[in-house]
Amino acid sequence: MIEYTEGIYTFYVYILTNKNRTVLYTGVTNNLKLRLQQHESKLNPNSFTARYNSHFLIHYEKFTWIQLAIEREKDIKNLSREKKLHLIKEANPNLEFWNYHFK
């Protein structure tokens, strides 16, 4: 996990997967707990995460500046699947689901 400590707000860049860990979705939010609930409830039934049942958290990074979070989200989205998996496995080697951290 990468964490910047300056600033007063909290933003998260996160990666979700489906039950079989075959899909990766990267997003950014200021309320990870709420955003995970929205993904799980399929708030937008036509969204990528709803269509592919991707609501299992396997990676997140915490920021205090939205600009850094957005930049990091873009960087991660541009990585190959192999590089994303390497990033995820640095902190979560077994690709465990971390949703319970935010319930």
Protein backbone atom coordinates (compact mmCIF):
# COMPACT_ATOMS: atom_id res chain seq x y z
CA MET A 1 0.00 0.00 0.00
CA ILE A 2 1.26 3.50 -0.86
CA GLU A 3 0.27 6.27 1.51
CA TYR A 4 0.90 10.02 1.35
CA THR A 5 0.37 11.76 4.68
CA GLU A 6 0.00 15.44 3.80
CA GLY A 7 -3.44 16.95 3.18
CA ILE A 8 -6.72 16.58 5.03
CA TYR A 9 -8.85 14.40 2.75
CA THR A 10 -8.61 10.72 1.94
CA PHE A 11 -8.88 9.24 -1.53
CA TYR A 12 -8.45 5.63 -2.59
CA VAL A 13 -7.32 4.02 -5.81
CA TYR A 14 -8.61 0.47 -5.76
CA ILE A 15 -8.63 -2.70 -7.81
CA LEU A 16 -11.60 -5.07 -7.82
CA THR A 17 -11.96 -8.54 -9.26
CA ASN A 18 -14.68 -11.16 -9.65
CA LYS A 19 -15.03 -14.38 -7.65
CA ASN A 20 -12.77 -16.33 -10.02
CA ARG A 21 -10.21 -13.50 -10.17
CA THR A 22 -10.38 -13.33 -13.97
CA VAL A 23 -11.34 -9.64 -14.28
CA LEU A 24 -9.56 -6.55 -12.95
CA TYR A 25 -11.24 -3.18 -12.49
CA THR A 26 -9.45 -0.02 -11.30
CA GLY A 27 -11.26 2.96 -9.79
CA VAL A 28 -10.84 6.00 -7.54
CA THR A 29 -13.10 7.22 -4.73
CA ASN A 30 -13.14 9.32 -1.58
CA ASN A 31 -15.27 6.78 0.31
CA LEU A 32 -14.10 3.24 -0.28
CA LYS A 33 -16.61 1.63 2.08
CA LEU A 34 -19.57 3.25 0.28
CA ARG A 35 -18.09 2.60 -3.16
CA LEU A 36 -17.64 -1.10 -2.37
CA GLN A 37 -21.27 -1.28 -1.24
CA GLN A 38 -22.36 0.39 -4.49
CA HIS A 39 -20.37 -2.07 -6.59
CA GLU A 40 -21.72 -5.05 -4.63
CA SER A 41 -25.34 -3.88 -4.90
CA LYS A 42 -24.88 -3.24 -8.65
CA LEU A 43 -26.11 0.33 -8.26
CA ASN A 44 -25.58 0.80 -12.00
CA PRO A 45 -26.63 -2.54 -13.57
CA ASN A 46 -25.05 -1.63 -16.91
CA SER A 47 -21.62 -0.87 -15.46
CA PHE A 48 -18.53 -2.97 -16.10
CA THR A 49 -18.38 -4.16 -12.49
CA ALA A 50 -22.05 -5.19 -12.48
CA ARG A 51 -21.79 -7.09 -15.77
CA TYR A 52 -18.68 -8.97 -14.65
CA ASN A 53 -19.64 -9.32 -10.95
CA SER A 54 -16.48 -7.48 -9.94
CA HIS A 55 -16.91 -6.30 -6.38
CA PHE A 56 -14.09 -8.06 -4.53
CA LEU A 57 -11.37 -5.70 -3.30
CA ILE A 58 -7.86 -7.06 -3.85
CA HIS A 59 -5.75 -3.86 -3.79
CA TYR A 60 -5.99 -0.27 -2.65
CA GLU A 61 -3.75 2.72 -2.21
CA LYS A 62 -4.52 5.70 0.01
CA PHE A 63 -3.92 9.34 -0.96
CA THR A 64 -4.65 12.75 0.53
CA TRP A 65 -4.59 14.64 -2.77
CA ILE A 66 -7.16 13.84 -5.46
CA GLN A 67 -4.74 14.84 -8.23
CA LEU A 68 -2.27 12.16 -7.10
CA ALA A 69 -5.04 9.58 -6.82
CA ILE A 70 -6.34 10.29 -10.32
CA GLU A 71 -2.83 10.19 -11.74
CA ARG A 72 -2.18 6.85 -10.02
CA GLU A 73 -5.48 5.43 -11.27
CA LYS A 74 -4.49 6.32 -14.83
CA ASP A 75 -1.04 4.81 -14.35
CA ILE A 76 -2.53 1.53 -13.09
CA LYS A 77 -5.10 1.41 -15.89
CA ASN A 78 -2.26 1.68 -18.41
CA LEU A 79 -0.40 -1.31 -16.95
CA SER A 80 -0.61 -4.71 -18.58
CA ARG A 81 -2.54 -7.39 -16.70
CA GLU A 82 0.76 -9.04 -15.76
CA LYS A 83 2.10 -5.82 -14.23
CA LYS A 84 -1.18 -5.18 -12.39
CA LEU A 85 -1.00 -8.66 -10.88
CA HIS A 86 2.60 -8.05 -9.84
CA LEU A 87 1.54 -4.78 -8.16
CA ILE A 88 -1.35 -6.48 -6.36
CA LYS A 89 0.76 -9.44 -5.22
CA GLU A 90 3.36 -7.16 -3.59
CA ALA A 91 0.87 -6.50 -0.74
CA ASN A 92 -1.63 -9.30 -1.34
CA PRO A 93 0.28 -12.36 -2.60
CA ASN A 94 -2.72 -14.71 -2.40
CA LEU A 95 -5.16 -12.26 -4.00
CA GLU A 96 -7.36 -12.39 -0.91
CA PHE A 97 -10.57 -10.38 -0.85
CA TRP A 98 -10.17 -7.37 1.47
CA ASN A 99 -13.77 -6.12 1.53
CA TYR A 100 -14.12 -7.01 5.21
CA HIS A 101 -11.61 -4.23 6.02
CA PHE A 102 -14.27 -1.70 5.00
CA LYS A 103 -17.48 -3.16 6.43
